Amino acid sequence: MWVIKEHRDIKKICRKLPDAVVKKYELWKNIVHRHGPEKLRDFPGFHDEKLRGKRKDQRSSRLSQQYRVIYSVERQYVTVFVLEITPHQY
């Protein structure tokens, strides 16, 4: 089992998000908690990918066409730290 740590603002952010995005985030957390972030690659709807540039140590998963969950993985502690849920910038 994996531990998921959320940034202190995630609960506040979730209250402002559409219900469909919050439900997909809950599904995302369930998959990561039970199977780890590598399992997200088996679900093409999440389009999990490694980020580049100043976010090179972070990953992104789609919650909708607009919203992404940004997270990092600490392997030595088997921890996923959710940094933010944000609208994707085009």
N, C-alpha and C. Protein backbone atom coordinates (compact mmCIF):
# COMPACT_ATOMS: atom_id res chain seq x y z
N MET A 1 0.83 -1.19 0.00
CA MET A 1 0.00 0.00 0.00
C MET A 1 0.88 1.25 0.00
N TRP A 2 0.46 2.21 -0.75
CA TRP A 2 1.17 3.48 -0.86
C TRP A 2 0.50 4.52 0.03
N VAL A 3 1.28 5.44 0.54
CA VAL A 3 0.77 6.55 1.35
C VAL A 3 0.64 7.76 0.44
N ILE A 4 -0.51 8.44 0.53
CA ILE A 4 -0.73 9.65 -0.25
C ILE A 4 -0.80 10.83 0.71
N LYS A 5 0.11 11.77 0.54
CA LYS A 5 0.09 13.00 1.33
C LYS A 5 -0.38 14.11 0.41
N GLU A 6 -1.32 14.89 0.88
CA GLU A 6 -1.85 15.99 0.08
C GLU A 6 -1.37 17.32 0.65
N HIS A 7 -1.12 18.26 -0.23
CA HIS A 7 -0.81 19.62 0.20
C HIS A 7 -1.97 20.13 1.04
N ARG A 8 -1.72 20.98 1.98
CA ARG A 8 -2.76 21.43 2.91
C ARG A 8 -3.93 22.14 2.22
N ASP A 9 -3.73 22.66 1.01
CA ASP A 9 -4.78 23.38 0.30
C ASP A 9 -5.66 22.49 -0.58
N ILE A 10 -5.34 21.21 -0.72
CA ILE A 10 -6.07 20.34 -1.64
C ILE A 10 -7.55 20.22 -1.27
N LYS A 11 -7.87 20.05 0.00
CA LYS A 11 -9.28 19.94 0.40
C LYS A 11 -10.06 21.20 0.04
N LYS A 12 -9.46 22.34 0.26
CA LYS A 12 -10.08 23.63 -0.09
C LYS A 12 -10.27 23.74 -1.61
N ILE A 13 -9.28 23.33 -2.37
CA ILE A 13 -9.36 23.36 -3.83
C ILE A 13 -10.47 22.44 -4.32
N CYS A 14 -10.58 21.24 -3.73
CA CYS A 14 -11.59 20.26 -4.15
C CYS A 14 -13.02 20.78 -3.97
N ARG A 15 -13.24 21.62 -2.96
CA ARG A 15 -14.58 22.17 -2.76
C ARG A 15 -15.01 23.06 -3.91
N LYS A 16 -14.05 23.63 -4.63
CA LYS A 16 -14.36 24.54 -5.73
C LYS A 16 -14.40 23.85 -7.09
N LEU A 17 -13.99 22.60 -7.15
CA LEU A 17 -13.91 21.88 -8.42
C LEU A 17 -15.26 21.28 -8.80
N PRO A 18 -15.47 21.01 -10.09
CA PRO A 18 -16.68 20.30 -10.52
C PRO A 18 -16.72 18.89 -9.90
N ASP A 19 -17.92 18.38 -9.65
CA ASP A 19 -18.07 17.06 -9.03
C ASP A 19 -17.37 15.96 -9.82
N ALA A 20 -17.43 16.01 -11.13
CA ALA A 20 -16.81 14.97 -11.96
C ALA A 20 -15.29 14.93 -11.77
N VAL A 21 -14.68 16.10 -11.59
CA VAL A 21 -13.23 16.17 -11.38
C VAL A 21 -12.88 15.60 -10.01
N VAL A 22 -13.67 15.91 -9.00
CA VAL A 22 -13.42 15.40 -7.65
C VAL A 22 -13.57 13.87 -7.64
N LYS A 23 -14.57 13.34 -8.33
CA LYS A 23 -14.76 11.88 -8.40
C LYS A 23 -13.58 11.21 -9.09
N LYS A 24 -13.08 11.81 -10.16
CA LYS A 24 -11.93 11.25 -10.86
C LYS A 24 -10.68 11.32 -9.98
N TYR A 25 -10.55 12.39 -9.20
CA TYR A 25 -9.43 12.50 -8.27
C TYR A 25 -9.50 11.40 -7.20
N GLU A 26 -10.70 11.13 -6.70
CA GLU A 26 -10.87 10.05 -5.72
C GLU A 26 -10.50 8.71 -6.33
N LEU A 27 -10.89 8.47 -7.58
CA LEU A 27 -10.49 7.25 -8.29
C LEU A 27 -8.98 7.20 -8.44
N TRP A 28 -8.38 8.32 -8.82
CA TRP A 28 -6.92 8.41 -8.95
C TRP A 28 -6.24 8.03 -7.64
N LYS A 29 -6.73 8.60 -6.53
CA LYS A 29 -6.14 8.30 -5.21
C LYS A 29 -6.29 6.83 -4.86
N ASN A 30 -7.43 6.24 -5.17
CA ASN A 30 -7.67 4.83 -4.88
C ASN A 30 -6.69 3.94 -5.64
N ILE A 31 -6.49 4.22 -6.92
CA ILE A 31 -5.54 3.43 -7.73
C ILE A 31 -4.13 3.57 -7.19
N VAL A 32 -3.71 4.79 -6.90
CA VAL A 32 -2.35 5.02 -6.40
C VAL A 32 -2.16 4.38 -5.04
N HIS A 33 -3.13 4.50 -4.16
CA HIS A 33 -3.02 3.94 -2.82
C HIS A 33 -2.88 2.41 -2.87
N ARG A 34 -3.66 1.77 -3.71
CA ARG A 34 -3.65 0.30 -3.76
C ARG A 34 -2.51 -0.27 -4.59
N HIS A 35 -2.18 0.37 -5.73
CA HIS A 35 -1.26 -0.25 -6.68
C HIS A 35 -0.02 0.57 -6.98
N GLY A 36 0.04 1.82 -6.55
CA GLY A 36 1.18 2.67 -6.84
C GLY A 36 0.99 3.47 -8.11
N PRO A 37 1.78 4.52 -8.28
CA PRO A 37 1.62 5.41 -9.43
C PRO A 37 1.93 4.74 -10.77
N GLU A 38 2.71 3.67 -10.79
CA GLU A 38 3.02 2.99 -12.05
C GLU A 38 1.77 2.40 -12.69
N LYS A 39 0.79 2.04 -11.90
CA LYS A 39 -0.45 1.44 -12.39
C LYS A 39 -1.27 2.43 -13.21
N LEU A 40 -1.06 3.74 -13.01
CA LEU A 40 -1.80 4.76 -13.75
C LEU A 40 -1.56 4.65 -15.25
N ARG A 41 -0.41 4.10 -15.63
CA ARG A 41 -0.11 3.95 -17.06
C ARG A 41 -1.02 2.94 -17.74
N ASP A 42 -1.65 2.07 -16.97
CA ASP A 42 -2.60 1.09 -17.52
C ASP A 42 -3.94 1.72 -17.86
N PHE A 43 -4.17 2.94 -17.41
CA PHE A 43 -5.41 3.65 -17.65
C PHE A 43 -5.13 4.85 -18.56
N PRO A 44 -5.38 4.72 -19.87
CA PRO A 44 -5.02 5.79 -20.80
C PRO A 44 -5.76 7.11 -20.54
N GLY A 45 -6.89 7.07 -19.85
CA GLY A 45 -7.64 8.30 -19.56
C GLY A 45 -6.90 9.26 -18.65
N PHE A 46 -6.00 8.74 -17.83
CA PHE A 46 -5.22 9.60 -16.93
C PHE A 46 -4.04 10.25 -17.66
N HIS A 47 -3.59 9.66 -18.75
CA HIS A 47 -2.47 10.20 -19.53
C HIS A 47 -1.35 10.66 -18.61
N ASP A 48 -0.94 9.76 -17.73
CA ASP A 48 0.11 10.06 -16.75
C ASP A 48 1.44 10.30 -17.47
N GLU A 49 2.11 11.40 -17.10
CA GLU A 49 3.37 11.72 -17.77
C GLU A 49 4.33 12.44 -16.84
N LYS A 50 5.62 12.27 -17.13
CA LYS A 50 6.67 12.98 -16.42
C LYS A 50 6.72 14.40 -16.97
N LEU A 51 6.90 15.37 -16.08
CA LEU A 51 6.96 16.77 -16.50
C LEU A 51 8.40 17.18 -16.79
N ARG A 52 8.54 18.29 -17.49
CA ARG A 52 9.86 18.79 -17.87
C ARG A 52 10.09 20.19 -17.31
N GLY A 53 11.27 20.71 -17.52
CA GLY A 53 11.59 22.07 -17.08
C GLY A 53 11.73 22.18 -15.58
N LYS A 54 11.15 23.24 -15.02
CA LYS A 54 11.29 23.47 -13.58
C LYS A 54 10.51 22.44 -12.75
N ARG A 55 9.64 21.67 -13.40
CA ARG A 55 8.88 20.61 -12.72
C ARG A 55 9.40 19.22 -13.09
N LYS A 56 10.69 19.09 -13.37
CA LYS A 56 11.25 17.85 -13.90
C LYS A 56 11.16 16.67 -12.93
N ASP A 57 11.03 16.90 -11.65
CA ASP A 57 10.91 15.81 -10.67
C ASP A 57 9.46 15.48 -10.33
N GLN A 58 8.53 16.03 -11.09
CA GLN A 58 7.11 15.84 -10.83
C GLN A 58 6.43 15.13 -11.99
N ARG A 59 5.20 14.65 -11.72
CA ARG A 59 4.40 13.97 -12.73
C ARG A 59 3.02 14.62 -12.78
N SER A 60 2.29 14.35 -13.87
CA SER A 60 0.96 14.92 -14.07
C SER A 60 0.02 13.83 -14.55
N SER A 61 -1.20 13.85 -14.06
CA SER A 61 -2.27 12.96 -14.53
C SER A 61 -3.49 13.80 -14.85
N ARG A 62 -4.19 13.45 -15.92
CA ARG A 62 -5.41 14.17 -16.30
C ARG A 62 -6.58 13.73 -15.44
N LEU A 63 -7.32 14.71 -14.94
CA LEU A 63 -8.57 14.43 -14.26
C LEU A 63 -9.74 14.78 -15.17
N SER A 64 -9.50 15.65 -16.12
CA SER A 64 -10.47 16.02 -17.15
C SER A 64 -9.67 16.66 -18.28
N GLN A 65 -10.36 17.14 -19.29
CA GLN A 65 -9.66 17.84 -20.36
C GLN A 65 -8.93 19.06 -19.83
N GLN A 66 -9.48 19.69 -18.81
CA GLN A 66 -8.91 20.93 -18.29
C GLN A 66 -8.05 20.73 -17.05
N TYR A 67 -8.42 19.84 -16.13
CA TYR A 67 -7.75 19.74 -14.83
C TYR A 67 -6.72 18.62 -14.79
N ARG A 68 -5.61 18.90 -14.10
CA ARG A 68 -4.53 17.95 -13.89
C ARG A 68 -4.21 17.87 -12.41
N VAL A 69 -3.77 16.70 -11.98
CA VAL A 69 -3.21 16.56 -10.64
C VAL A 69 -1.69 16.48 -10.83
N ILE A 70 -0.97 17.33 -10.10
CA ILE A 70 0.48 17.38 -10.16
C ILE A 70 1.00 16.73 -8.88
N TYR A 71 1.92 15.77 -9.03
CA TYR A 71 2.40 15.05 -7.85
C TYR A 71 3.86 14.66 -8.01
N SER A 72 4.48 14.32 -6.89
CA SER A 72 5.84 13.79 -6.91
C SER A 72 5.85 12.50 -6.11
N VAL A 73 6.84 11.66 -6.38
CA VAL A 73 6.94 10.35 -5.72
C VAL A 73 8.23 10.30 -4.93
N GLU A 74 8.11 9.95 -3.66
CA GLU A 74 9.28 9.76 -2.79
C GLU A 74 9.41 8.25 -2.58
N ARG A 75 10.28 7.63 -3.31
CA ARG A 75 10.38 6.17 -3.29
C ARG A 75 10.87 5.61 -1.96
N GLN A 76 11.79 6.28 -1.31
CA GLN A 76 12.32 5.71 -0.08
C GLN A 76 11.26 5.62 1.02
N TYR A 77 10.21 6.44 0.92
CA TYR A 77 9.14 6.40 1.91
C TYR A 77 7.86 5.83 1.32
N VAL A 78 7.89 5.41 0.07
CA VAL A 78 6.72 4.91 -0.64
C VAL A 78 5.56 5.90 -0.45
N THR A 79 5.81 7.15 -0.80
CA THR A 79 4.87 8.23 -0.58
C THR A 79 4.61 8.98 -1.88
N VAL A 80 3.35 9.33 -2.10
CA VAL A 80 2.98 10.19 -3.21
C VAL A 80 2.51 11.51 -2.60
N PHE A 81 3.12 12.61 -2.98
CA PHE A 81 2.77 13.92 -2.43
C PHE A 81 2.03 14.71 -3.50
N VAL A 82 0.73 14.91 -3.30
CA VAL A 82 -0.09 15.67 -4.26
C VAL A 82 0.17 17.14 -4.01
N LEU A 83 0.70 17.80 -5.03
CA LEU A 83 1.08 19.21 -4.91
C LEU A 83 -0.06 20.15 -5.23
N GLU A 84 -0.80 19.85 -6.30
CA GLU A 84 -1.89 20.74 -6.68
C GLU A 84 -2.81 20.08 -7.69
N ILE A 85 -4.02 20.61 -7.77
CA ILE A 85 -4.96 20.26 -8.82
C ILE A 85 -5.26 21.58 -9.50
N THR A 86 -4.94 21.67 -10.76
CA THR A 86 -4.97 22.96 -11.42
C THR A 86 -5.50 22.85 -12.83
N PRO A 87 -6.15 23.91 -13.32
CA PRO A 87 -6.53 23.92 -14.73
C PRO A 87 -5.28 23.92 -15.59
N HIS A 88 -5.33 23.16 -16.65
CA HIS A 88 -4.19 23.06 -17.55
C HIS A 88 -4.06 24.35 -18.36
N GLN A 89 -2.86 24.85 -18.48
CA GLN A 89 -2.60 26.08 -19.23
C GLN A 89 -2.29 25.72 -20.68
N TYR A 90 -3.05 26.24 -21.62
CA TYR A 90 -2.82 25.95 -23.04
C TYR A 90 -2.09 27.09 -23.69
